[in-house]
Amino acid sequence: MSLDEVQDVHTPDAAATPDAPATPAASSKPGAWAALRPLLLRMHFYAGILIAPLLFLAAATGLLYAGSWQAEKILYADELTVARVGESTVPLSAQLTAARATVPEGKVVAVWPAPDPEATTRVIMEVPGLEEGRTRTVFVDPYTAHVNGALTTEGDALPLRAWLSEFHSSLQLGEFGRNYSELAASWLWVVALGGLALWIGRRRSRKALLVLPDRAATGRRKTLSWHGAVGLWAVTGLVALSATGLTWSKYAGENIGQLQDGLGGATPSVSAALAPGSDTGSDAHAGHTMPDGTEMAATPPTADIGVDKAVAAARAAGVTHELRVTLPAKGNGYVIKEQDKQLPVHLDSVAVDPADGRIMDELRFADYPLLAKLTRFGIDLHMGKTLGLANQIALGALAVAVMFLVFWGYRMWWLRRPTKDRALSAGRAQPRGAWRKVPLTMLLPLAAATAVVGWFVPLLGISLVAFLAVDVLLGAVAARRAA
C-alpha cells in the first residue's frame, strides 16, 4: 500500500481535495482512529521508504520465477517430452539400466515415472562433485528406454528454475542474501495491512473511489488514487505471499515451525524402516538426505523384488498419481509418493518392503493435520503449483502490482517535497510525536503486541528498532539545529 499516505489535511490546500465531503476533518474528532492514524502514517512512511527497494527486488525476481515454469517447458522440451507416444512402455528397470549407462559414475537413488503419455521418466542420480542438494537427472523415453538427455537439478527444478529460485530467495548471495528476502517478507504484510487501513480510513465523496482509481484527479491525488485502489485489490495476495514466504525463512521460519509442531500440525512422513535382521546388505556407510527429505542410508538391501513390482504394489494400494520412487537402501524399503499438487491434490505415500512387496506403512493426505495441510497448500500456491498456469499468472500479476505500488509510493514521496525549485529536497513525513497522541489504554497493548510480533519475526523487530533509533537521531539533530 502507500509509502507516504499523509493526507492533504496536513497541507495548505486541504480544502481543495475533491473527494472530501463538506464535513469537519476526521482528525478533529476524538477517537481511536484519529489518535492511531498519525502513528500509523509515520511507521508506514519509514517502512515504505526503507523497505520498498527490497519489496521491489522480491517482486521482480518473483515475477521471473513465476514465468520459469512455462519457460522450462520450452527450454527443456527435448529432455521433458518423448519423440513419439508408443503403445506400451518398457519396464522401469530397463529405463534405470539405460540411465546408469549414460552416467556410469552416478548412483541411482530415485526414479520418477513419466506422469503423462508425452513425458519422459526422470532417473535421479547422485554424482560425485555436485553441490549439496543437487543431483544429476537423466531423462529416459519410457517407450524405448532412449536417453533424451541429462541435467543437473535441485529437487524438481531444472537448471533455469533452480537458478531463479535461488535468485529470488537470496539474490545468489548465499545465506547472507537470504536475509533480504526474509526482511521483505517480514515487512510486506505490515506495509500492506497498514496501507489498507489508511486507504479505507480516508475520506471520499463517492464509495466507488475506494475500489477504483479516480480518473478525474490530477498530480499527487491521481497517483495516490491508483496506488490505493490497486493496493486494495492486491492486499489479500500480498499478505498470503508474506505469510507463506516466512514459513521457510531462516529465523521466522524456525519459530513458525516450532509453533506448528507445538500445535500438533507437523507434517507427517511415511516410515520405511525395515525390521531388524531383515536387511542383509553389507559395507554400509554414512546416510544421506534425498531432495524430498527422506533419510536414506547408502547401501541397498540384498533382497529386492525390483522397482517394477514395488511400483505395482504401491498402485494396488491406491498410490497412483505422479509417482516419485525412492529406491531402498540399508535399513529402508522403497518409499513411493504421489506428488500431484494441483487441485485436487494427490499426496498419498506408502513404504514397500523390498523383500516381498508388502506395504509396510502408508500415509494418506486426508490424514494430515489441518495445519500441515494449510502449510502444504500455502507453500505450493506461493510457488505456483496448486492451480498450474492460473496460479503462475496470478503470482505474476501480484509481482507487477507490487512494483507499480513501489513506483507510485516513491512518486508521491517526491511530489511532497517542500519546494519545487529545490531539486534535491525530499518528501515530508508525518510529524514526530505521533505516539503521544495515542491513549495509554491503546498504546500499552499496541506496544506489547509489537514486541511479541518483533520477537516472533526477528528481522521485523530488529529493523523496527533501527527505524526508531534513526528517527530519534534525526529528531535530535533537528532540535539542535533549531536551537
Protein backbone atom coordinates (compact mmCIF):
# COMPACT_ATOMS: atom_id res chain seq x y z
CA MET A 1 0.00 0.00 0.00
CA SER A 2 1.00 3.66 0.27
CA LEU A 3 4.56 4.65 1.04
CA ASP A 4 3.59 8.14 2.14
CA GLU A 5 -0.12 8.19 2.86
CA VAL A 6 -0.01 11.61 4.57
CA GLN A 7 -3.36 13.12 3.62
CA ASP A 8 -3.91 16.57 2.28
CA VAL A 9 -5.35 17.72 5.61
CA HIS A 10 -1.74 18.34 6.63
CA THR A 11 -1.10 20.74 3.76
CA PRO A 12 -2.40 24.25 2.99
CA ASP A 13 -4.53 23.00 0.06
CA ALA A 14 -6.53 20.53 2.16
CA ALA A 15 -9.83 22.20 1.35
CA ALA A 16 -9.20 21.66 -2.34
CA THR A 17 -9.37 17.86 -2.06
CA PRO A 18 -12.19 16.96 -4.46
CA ASP A 19 -13.19 13.68 -2.84
CA ALA A 20 -13.63 15.13 0.66
CA PRO A 21 -17.17 15.89 1.85
CA ALA A 22 -18.03 19.20 3.42
CA THR A 23 -17.64 17.95 6.96
CA PRO A 24 -15.05 18.61 9.66
CA ALA A 25 -11.77 16.76 9.24
CA ALA A 26 -11.70 13.30 10.79
CA SER A 27 -8.64 14.19 12.84
CA SER A 28 -10.64 16.87 14.67
CA LYS A 29 -12.88 14.23 16.19
CA PRO A 30 -11.60 12.39 19.25
CA GLY A 31 -11.45 8.64 18.82
CA ALA A 32 -9.21 5.62 18.38
CA TRP A 33 -8.61 6.11 14.66
CA ALA A 34 -7.83 9.83 14.97
CA ALA A 35 -5.25 9.02 17.64
CA LEU A 36 -3.76 5.99 15.91
CA ARG A 37 -3.64 7.30 12.36
CA PRO A 38 -0.65 9.68 12.74
CA LEU A 39 1.44 6.92 14.34
CA LEU A 40 0.48 4.50 11.56
CA LEU A 41 1.34 7.13 8.96
CA ARG A 42 4.84 7.66 10.33
CA MET A 43 5.60 3.94 10.61
CA HIS A 44 4.16 3.38 7.14
CA PHE A 45 6.31 6.18 5.76
CA TYR A 46 9.58 4.77 7.13
CA ALA A 47 8.72 1.20 6.21
CA GLY A 48 7.83 2.24 2.68
CA ILE A 49 10.90 4.38 2.11
CA LEU A 50 13.42 1.92 3.55
CA ILE A 51 11.87 -1.48 2.79
CA ALA A 52 10.35 -0.70 -0.60
CA PRO A 53 13.59 -1.41 -2.53
CA LEU A 54 13.64 -4.92 -1.05
CA LEU A 55 9.98 -5.40 -1.92
CA PHE A 56 10.70 -4.29 -5.48
CA LEU A 57 13.58 -6.78 -5.76
CA ALA A 58 11.48 -9.60 -4.33
CA ALA A 59 8.66 -8.78 -6.75
CA ALA A 60 10.95 -8.55 -9.78
CA THR A 61 12.71 -11.84 -9.03
CA GLY A 62 9.38 -13.44 -8.13
CA LEU A 63 7.98 -12.38 -11.49
CA LEU A 64 10.86 -14.15 -13.22
CA TYR A 65 10.29 -17.26 -11.11
CA ALA A 66 6.57 -17.30 -11.87
CA GLY A 67 7.41 -17.39 -15.58
CA SER A 68 10.07 -20.08 -15.18
CA TRP A 69 7.50 -22.90 -15.05
CA GLN A 70 6.44 -22.28 -18.62
CA ALA A 71 9.93 -21.26 -19.74
CA GLU A 72 11.48 -24.57 -18.73
CA LYS A 73 8.83 -26.48 -20.69
CA ILE A 74 10.07 -24.66 -23.79
CA LEU A 75 13.78 -24.57 -22.99
CA TYR A 76 14.00 -28.23 -21.96
CA ALA A 77 11.36 -29.66 -24.30
CA ASP A 78 13.81 -32.21 -25.71
CA GLU A 79 14.50 -33.65 -22.26
CA LEU A 80 10.94 -33.44 -20.93
CA THR A 81 8.93 -34.88 -23.82
CA VAL A 82 9.10 -38.04 -25.91
CA ALA A 83 9.54 -38.01 -29.66
CA ARG A 84 6.52 -40.26 -30.22
CA VAL A 85 3.90 -41.75 -27.90
CA GLY A 86 4.13 -45.54 -28.09
CA GLU A 87 1.61 -48.28 -27.43
CA SER A 88 3.38 -49.68 -24.36
CA THR A 89 6.24 -48.72 -22.04
CA VAL A 90 9.35 -50.71 -21.21
CA PRO A 91 9.90 -51.78 -17.59
CA LEU A 92 11.28 -49.16 -15.19
CA SER A 93 14.22 -51.46 -14.52
CA ALA A 94 15.23 -51.20 -18.19
CA GLN A 95 14.94 -47.42 -18.03
CA LEU A 96 17.21 -47.40 -14.96
CA THR A 97 19.75 -49.53 -16.82
CA ALA A 98 19.80 -47.01 -19.68
CA ALA A 99 20.30 -44.14 -17.25
CA ARG A 100 23.17 -45.92 -15.48
CA ALA A 101 24.89 -46.49 -18.82
CA THR A 102 24.66 -42.76 -19.56
CA VAL A 103 26.07 -41.65 -16.19
CA PRO A 104 28.17 -44.63 -15.03
CA GLU A 105 29.76 -42.67 -12.18
CA GLY A 106 26.35 -41.88 -10.68
CA LYS A 107 24.30 -43.81 -8.12
CA VAL A 108 20.56 -44.08 -8.79
CA VAL A 109 18.63 -43.00 -5.70
CA ALA A 110 15.17 -42.31 -7.12
CA VAL A 111 13.03 -42.59 -10.21
CA TRP A 112 10.01 -40.51 -11.22
CA PRO A 113 7.95 -42.49 -13.75
CA ALA A 114 6.54 -40.46 -16.64
CA PRO A 115 3.47 -38.64 -15.24
CA ASP A 116 1.66 -38.45 -18.60
CA PRO A 117 1.90 -40.17 -22.01
CA GLU A 118 4.07 -37.45 -23.57
CA ALA A 119 6.52 -37.08 -20.68
CA THR A 120 9.86 -38.76 -20.06
CA THR A 121 10.86 -40.70 -16.96
CA ARG A 122 13.28 -38.93 -14.62
CA VAL A 123 16.06 -41.01 -13.09
CA ILE A 124 17.68 -39.18 -10.17
CA MET A 125 21.35 -39.89 -9.54
CA GLU A 126 23.90 -38.82 -7.01
CA VAL A 127 27.13 -37.87 -8.73
CA PRO A 128 30.44 -37.03 -7.03
CA GLY A 129 31.39 -33.37 -7.22
CA LEU A 130 27.90 -31.87 -7.25
CA GLU A 131 26.90 -29.26 -4.69
CA GLU A 132 24.86 -30.40 -1.71
CA GLY A 133 21.18 -30.74 -2.55
CA ARG A 134 21.83 -31.14 -6.27
CA THR A 135 21.54 -34.31 -8.33
CA ARG A 136 22.02 -35.44 -11.91
CA THR A 137 18.72 -36.22 -13.59
CA VAL A 138 18.63 -38.47 -16.65
CA PHE A 139 15.53 -38.20 -18.87
CA VAL A 140 14.51 -41.52 -20.41
CA ASP A 141 11.89 -42.21 -23.07
CA PRO A 142 9.56 -44.71 -21.33
CA TYR A 143 8.56 -46.32 -24.65
CA THR A 144 12.07 -47.03 -25.97
CA ALA A 145 14.43 -46.54 -23.00
CA HIS A 146 16.27 -44.00 -25.14
CA VAL A 147 18.03 -41.32 -23.07
CA ASN A 148 16.87 -37.86 -24.15
CA GLY A 149 19.45 -36.02 -22.07
CA ALA A 150 20.76 -35.30 -18.58
CA LEU A 151 20.62 -32.13 -16.45
CA THR A 152 21.81 -31.03 -13.03
CA THR A 153 18.69 -30.44 -10.97
CA GLU A 154 17.63 -29.36 -7.50
CA GLY A 155 14.51 -31.17 -6.28
CA ASP A 156 12.02 -30.96 -9.14
CA ALA A 157 13.57 -27.75 -10.50
CA LEU A 158 15.54 -27.87 -13.74
CA PRO A 159 18.59 -25.58 -14.08
CA LEU A 160 16.71 -22.39 -15.09
CA ARG A 161 14.08 -22.59 -12.37
CA ALA A 162 16.64 -23.72 -9.78
CA TRP A 163 18.77 -20.65 -10.54
CA LEU A 164 15.80 -18.29 -10.48
CA SER A 165 14.54 -19.81 -7.24
CA GLU A 166 17.88 -19.12 -5.59
CA PHE A 167 17.95 -15.65 -7.15
CA HIS A 168 14.50 -14.89 -5.71
CA SER A 169 15.35 -16.18 -2.24
CA SER A 170 18.89 -14.87 -1.85
CA LEU A 171 19.94 -12.89 -4.96
CA GLN A 172 22.55 -15.66 -5.43
CA LEU A 173 24.38 -14.32 -2.36
CA GLY A 174 24.08 -17.43 -0.20
CA GLU A 175 22.96 -17.33 3.44
CA PHE A 176 23.66 -13.61 3.72
CA GLY A 177 21.38 -12.94 0.79
CA ARG A 178 18.52 -14.85 2.40
CA ASN A 179 18.21 -12.02 4.90
CA TYR A 180 16.97 -9.75 2.12
CA SER A 181 14.02 -11.97 1.24
CA GLU A 182 13.13 -12.61 4.88
CA LEU A 183 13.23 -8.89 5.65
CA ALA A 184 10.98 -8.18 2.67
CA ALA A 185 8.53 -10.92 3.68
CA SER A 186 8.59 -9.73 7.29
CA TRP A 187 7.50 -6.21 6.34
CA LEU A 188 5.24 -6.96 3.38
CA TRP A 189 2.18 -7.81 5.48
CA VAL A 190 2.80 -4.81 7.78
CA VAL A 191 3.04 -2.36 4.88
CA ALA A 192 0.06 -3.95 3.10
CA LEU A 193 -2.28 -4.01 6.10
CA GLY A 194 -1.17 -0.58 7.28
CA GLY A 195 -1.77 0.87 3.85
CA LEU A 196 -5.17 -0.85 3.70
CA ALA A 197 -6.22 0.79 6.97
CA LEU A 198 -5.04 4.20 5.79
CA TRP A 199 -6.80 3.85 2.44
CA ILE A 200 -10.12 2.67 3.94
CA GLY A 201 -9.97 5.41 6.60
CA ARG A 202 -9.50 8.13 4.01
CA ARG A 203 -12.46 10.50 3.43
CA ARG A 204 -14.04 10.33 -0.01
CA SER A 205 -17.21 11.67 -1.60
CA ARG A 206 -18.01 8.52 -3.60
CA LYS A 207 -17.70 4.94 -2.36
CA ALA A 208 -16.60 3.79 -5.82
CA LEU A 209 -13.32 5.67 -5.31
CA LEU A 210 -12.42 3.10 -2.66
CA VAL A 211 -12.01 0.33 -5.23
CA LEU A 212 -11.45 2.25 -8.48
CA PRO A 213 -8.88 4.92 -9.37
CA ASP A 214 -10.17 8.49 -9.64
CA ARG A 215 -9.71 9.35 -13.30
CA ALA A 216 -10.61 12.99 -12.70
CA ALA A 217 -7.82 13.52 -10.17
CA THR A 218 -4.51 15.14 -11.08
CA GLY A 219 -1.00 15.28 -9.65
CA ARG A 220 -0.34 13.54 -6.39
CA ARG A 221 -4.01 12.76 -5.79
CA LYS A 222 -4.13 10.82 -9.07
CA THR A 223 -1.06 8.81 -8.10
CA LEU A 224 -2.50 8.16 -4.65
CA SER A 225 -5.79 7.06 -6.19
CA TRP A 226 -4.12 4.45 -8.38
CA HIS A 227 -1.83 3.38 -5.56
CA GLY A 228 -4.66 2.89 -3.09
CA ALA A 229 -7.08 1.15 -5.45
CA VAL A 230 -4.52 -1.30 -6.82
CA GLY A 231 -3.22 -1.94 -3.31
CA LEU A 232 -6.73 -2.71 -2.12
CA TRP A 233 -7.19 -5.35 -4.81
CA ALA A 234 -3.76 -6.86 -4.15
CA VAL A 235 -3.67 -6.81 -0.35
CA THR A 236 -5.05 -10.32 0.22
CA GLY A 237 -2.50 -11.87 -2.12
CA LEU A 238 0.34 -9.81 -0.64
CA VAL A 239 -0.46 -10.89 2.93
CA ALA A 240 -0.68 -14.51 1.77
CA LEU A 241 2.70 -14.25 0.00
CA SER A 242 4.24 -12.74 3.12
CA ALA A 243 2.88 -15.46 5.41
CA THR A 244 3.85 -18.36 3.16
CA GLY A 245 7.24 -16.85 2.38
CA LEU A 246 8.05 -16.64 6.09
CA THR A 247 7.32 -20.34 6.61
CA TRP A 248 10.65 -21.35 5.04
CA SER A 249 12.69 -18.31 6.09
CA LYS A 250 15.68 -18.80 8.36
CA TYR A 251 14.66 -17.03 11.59
CA ALA A 252 10.90 -16.52 11.49
CA GLY A 253 10.53 -19.89 9.75
CA GLU A 254 12.14 -21.67 12.71
CA ASN A 255 9.69 -20.01 15.10
CA ILE A 256 6.76 -20.85 12.83
CA GLY A 257 7.91 -24.47 12.64
CA GLN A 258 8.17 -24.75 16.42
CA LEU A 259 4.73 -23.22 16.84
CA GLN A 260 3.26 -25.57 14.24
CA ASP A 261 4.84 -28.60 15.91
CA GLY A 262 3.62 -27.44 19.30
CA LEU A 263 0.07 -27.19 17.96
CA GLY A 264 0.27 -30.71 16.55
CA GLY A 265 0.49 -29.55 12.97
CA ALA A 266 3.84 -31.05 11.95
CA THR A 267 3.89 -32.63 8.50
CA PRO A 268 3.91 -36.42 8.94
CA SER A 269 6.01 -38.81 6.88
CA VAL A 270 5.79 -42.48 5.98
CA SER A 271 8.14 -44.87 7.79
CA ALA A 272 10.28 -47.07 5.54
CA ALA A 273 12.45 -48.65 8.26
CA LEU A 274 12.88 -52.40 7.89
CA ALA A 275 12.62 -54.80 10.81
CA PRO A 276 15.98 -55.61 12.47
CA GLY A 277 17.68 -58.53 10.77
CA SER A 278 15.65 -58.31 7.57
CA ASP A 279 18.38 -56.41 5.77
CA THR A 280 21.48 -58.38 4.74
CA GLY A 281 23.27 -55.58 2.95
CA SER A 282 26.96 -55.07 3.73
CA ASP A 283 29.57 -52.35 3.58
CA ALA A 284 27.12 -49.68 4.78
CA HIS A 285 28.40 -46.19 5.09
CA ALA A 286 27.03 -42.78 6.09
CA GLY A 287 23.45 -41.94 5.11
CA HIS A 288 22.22 -39.04 3.02
CA THR A 289 19.10 -36.95 2.62
CA MET A 290 17.03 -37.13 -0.55
CA PRO A 291 15.63 -33.94 -2.17
CA ASP A 292 12.18 -34.85 -0.83
CA GLY A 293 13.52 -35.00 2.75
CA THR A 294 13.67 -38.81 3.10
CA GLU A 295 16.62 -40.05 5.14
CA MET A 296 18.39 -42.89 3.33
CA ALA A 297 21.46 -44.99 4.02
CA ALA A 298 23.95 -45.65 1.26
CA THR A 299 23.88 -49.43 0.78
CA PRO A 300 20.73 -51.16 -0.53
CA PRO A 301 19.40 -54.39 0.99
CA THR A 302 20.29 -57.69 -0.68
CA ALA A 303 16.70 -58.92 -1.09
CA ASP A 304 14.89 -56.77 -3.64
CA ILE A 305 11.80 -57.56 -5.69
CA GLY A 306 12.70 -54.76 -8.10
CA VAL A 307 11.31 -51.35 -8.80
CA ASP A 308 8.58 -52.53 -11.16
CA LYS A 309 6.98 -54.86 -8.60
CA ALA A 310 7.35 -52.19 -5.88
CA VAL A 311 5.51 -49.64 -8.02
CA ALA A 312 2.85 -52.23 -8.83
CA ALA A 313 2.34 -52.83 -5.11
CA ALA A 314 2.01 -49.08 -4.49
CA ARG A 315 -0.52 -48.71 -7.30
CA ALA A 316 -2.53 -51.60 -5.88
CA ALA A 317 -2.58 -49.69 -2.57
CA GLY A 318 -4.07 -46.64 -4.28
CA VAL A 319 -0.89 -44.57 -4.77
CA THR A 320 -1.15 -43.85 -8.49
CA HIS A 321 -0.72 -40.15 -9.41
CA GLU A 322 2.62 -38.64 -10.46
CA LEU A 323 4.80 -41.10 -8.54
CA ARG A 324 8.22 -40.44 -7.09
CA VAL A 325 10.03 -43.60 -6.08
CA THR A 326 12.94 -43.54 -3.64
CA LEU A 327 14.99 -46.72 -4.03
CA PRO A 328 15.74 -48.84 -0.95
CA ALA A 329 18.96 -48.50 1.00
CA LYS A 330 20.33 -50.32 4.03
CA GLY A 331 17.68 -50.47 6.71
CA ASN A 332 14.96 -48.97 4.50
CA GLY A 333 12.47 -50.12 1.91
CA TYR A 334 11.01 -48.36 -1.09
CA VAL A 335 9.28 -45.03 -0.45
CA ILE A 336 6.69 -44.29 -3.14
CA LYS A 337 4.93 -40.93 -3.00
CA GLU A 338 2.37 -39.06 -5.03
CA GLN A 339 3.43 -35.53 -5.95
CA ASP A 340 0.42 -34.21 -7.86
CA LYS A 341 -0.04 -30.85 -6.12
CA GLN A 342 -2.64 -29.41 -8.45
CA LEU A 343 -6.20 -29.41 -7.17
CA PRO A 344 -7.45 -31.92 -6.26
CA VAL A 345 -4.09 -32.85 -4.74
CA HIS A 346 -2.77 -36.40 -4.64
CA LEU A 347 -0.10 -36.67 -1.95
CA ASP A 348 -0.54 -40.17 -0.51
CA SER A 349 2.55 -42.30 0.13
CA VAL A 350 3.49 -45.86 1.04
CA ALA A 351 6.58 -47.78 2.10
CA VAL A 352 7.13 -51.10 0.36
CA ASP A 353 9.19 -53.99 1.73
CA PRO A 354 11.83 -54.80 -0.92
CA ALA A 355 11.86 -58.47 0.08
CA ASP A 356 8.26 -59.35 -0.71
CA GLY A 357 6.40 -56.21 -1.85
CA ARG A 358 4.43 -55.92 1.38
CA ILE A 359 3.08 -52.47 2.26
CA MET A 360 4.93 -51.66 5.49
CA ASP A 361 3.37 -48.27 6.13
CA GLU A 362 1.01 -45.89 4.38
CA LEU A 363 0.08 -42.25 4.80
CA ARG A 364 -2.92 -40.52 3.25
CA PHE A 365 -3.04 -36.78 2.71
CA ALA A 366 -6.54 -36.83 4.17
CA ASP A 367 -4.95 -37.87 7.49
CA TYR A 368 -2.58 -34.87 7.62
CA PRO A 369 -3.23 -32.43 10.50
CA LEU A 370 -5.10 -29.33 9.38
CA LEU A 371 -2.09 -27.05 9.91
CA ALA A 372 0.08 -29.37 7.81
CA LYS A 373 -2.49 -29.27 5.01
CA LEU A 374 -2.71 -25.48 5.14
CA THR A 375 1.08 -25.18 5.11
CA ARG A 376 1.29 -27.50 2.10
CA PHE A 377 -1.37 -25.55 0.20
CA GLY A 378 0.18 -22.20 1.12
CA ILE A 379 3.70 -23.10 0.03
CA ASP A 380 2.51 -24.64 -3.24
CA LEU A 381 0.36 -21.60 -4.01
CA HIS A 382 3.36 -19.37 -3.32
CA MET A 383 5.44 -21.43 -5.73
CA GLY A 384 2.79 -21.53 -8.46
CA LYS A 385 2.00 -25.25 -8.31
CA THR A 386 -1.52 -25.67 -6.95
CA LEU A 387 -3.50 -24.05 -9.76
CA GLY A 388 -0.98 -24.51 -12.54
CA LEU A 389 -0.86 -21.79 -15.17
CA ALA A 390 -3.62 -19.75 -13.50
CA ASN A 391 -1.60 -19.77 -10.27
CA GLN A 392 1.52 -18.59 -12.09
CA ILE A 393 -0.37 -15.79 -13.86
CA ALA A 394 -1.81 -14.63 -10.54
CA LEU A 395 1.67 -14.58 -8.99
CA GLY A 396 2.98 -12.59 -11.94
CA ALA A 397 0.13 -10.09 -11.60
CA LEU A 398 0.86 -9.64 -7.88
CA ALA A 399 4.55 -9.11 -8.63
CA VAL A 400 3.75 -6.43 -11.22
CA ALA A 401 1.31 -4.81 -8.78
CA VAL A 402 4.00 -4.58 -6.09
CA MET A 403 6.44 -2.96 -8.50
CA PHE A 404 3.85 -0.36 -9.53
CA LEU A 405 2.88 0.25 -5.89
CA VAL A 406 6.51 0.92 -5.02
CA PHE A 407 6.89 3.25 -8.00
CA TRP A 408 3.71 5.17 -7.13
CA GLY A 409 4.75 5.37 -3.49
CA TYR A 410 8.10 6.92 -4.29
CA ARG A 411 6.44 9.28 -6.75
CA MET A 412 4.08 10.52 -4.03
CA TRP A 413 7.02 10.96 -1.71
CA TRP A 414 8.81 13.03 -4.37
CA LEU A 415 5.72 15.13 -5.11
CA ARG A 416 5.50 16.07 -1.42
CA ARG A 417 8.94 17.67 -1.34
CA PRO A 418 8.79 21.12 0.32
CA THR A 419 9.71 23.29 -2.65
CA LYS A 420 9.54 22.72 -6.38
CA ASP A 421 12.69 24.73 -7.04
CA ARG A 422 14.92 22.57 -4.82
CA ALA A 423 15.51 19.51 -6.96
CA LEU A 424 17.27 17.57 -4.19
CA SER A 425 14.65 18.10 -1.49
CA ALA A 426 12.69 15.04 -0.37
CA GLY A 427 9.11 14.34 0.61
CA ARG A 428 7.92 15.12 4.11
CA ALA A 429 6.99 12.51 6.68
CA GLN A 430 4.25 12.67 9.30
CA PRO A 431 5.44 14.97 12.14
CA ARG A 432 7.17 13.34 15.11
CA GLY A 433 5.50 12.71 18.42
CA ALA A 434 2.52 10.85 16.98
CA TRP A 435 2.73 8.20 19.73
CA ARG A 436 2.00 10.85 22.36
CA LYS A 437 -1.48 11.29 20.90
CA VAL A 438 -2.35 7.60 21.40
CA PRO A 439 -4.28 6.93 24.65
CA LEU A 440 -2.34 4.89 27.19
CA THR A 441 -5.04 2.21 27.18
CA MET A 442 -4.34 1.71 23.48
CA LEU A 443 -0.60 2.41 23.49
CA LEU A 444 0.35 -0.26 26.04
CA PRO A 445 -1.43 -3.19 24.30
CA LEU A 446 -0.08 -1.95 20.97
CA ALA A 447 3.48 -1.87 22.33
CA ALA A 448 3.07 -5.36 23.84
CA ALA A 449 1.71 -6.78 20.58
CA THR A 450 4.56 -5.14 18.64
CA ALA A 451 7.12 -6.68 21.00
CA VAL A 452 5.61 -10.16 20.61
CA VAL A 453 5.48 -9.90 16.82
CA GLY A 454 9.02 -8.48 16.77
CA TRP A 455 10.29 -11.45 18.77
CA PHE A 456 8.42 -13.98 16.62
CA VAL A 457 9.56 -12.32 13.38
CA PRO A 458 13.10 -11.26 14.38
CA LEU A 459 14.14 -9.28 11.31
CA LEU A 460 10.95 -7.23 11.60
CA GLY A 461 11.68 -6.46 15.24
CA ILE A 462 15.34 -5.60 14.65
CA SER A 463 14.60 -3.32 11.71
CA LEU A 464 11.77 -1.62 13.62
CA VAL A 465 14.17 -0.82 16.46
CA ALA A 466 16.61 0.51 13.85
CA PHE A 467 13.85 2.75 12.41
CA LEU A 468 13.12 4.13 15.88
CA ALA A 469 16.81 4.77 16.52
CA VAL A 470 17.17 6.64 13.21
CA ASP A 471 14.03 8.63 13.96
CA VAL A 472 15.30 9.63 17.41
CA LEU A 473 18.67 10.61 15.95
CA LEU A 474 17.07 12.74 13.23
CA GLY A 475 14.85 14.36 15.84
CA ALA A 476 17.85 15.20 17.99
CA VAL A 477 19.70 16.70 15.01
CA ALA A 478 16.65 18.77 14.05
CA ALA A 479 16.26 20.01 17.63
CA ARG A 480 19.92 21.00 17.80
CA ARG A 481 19.67 22.94 14.55
CA ALA A 482 16.55 24.69 15.76
CA ALA A 483 18.29 25.66 18.98
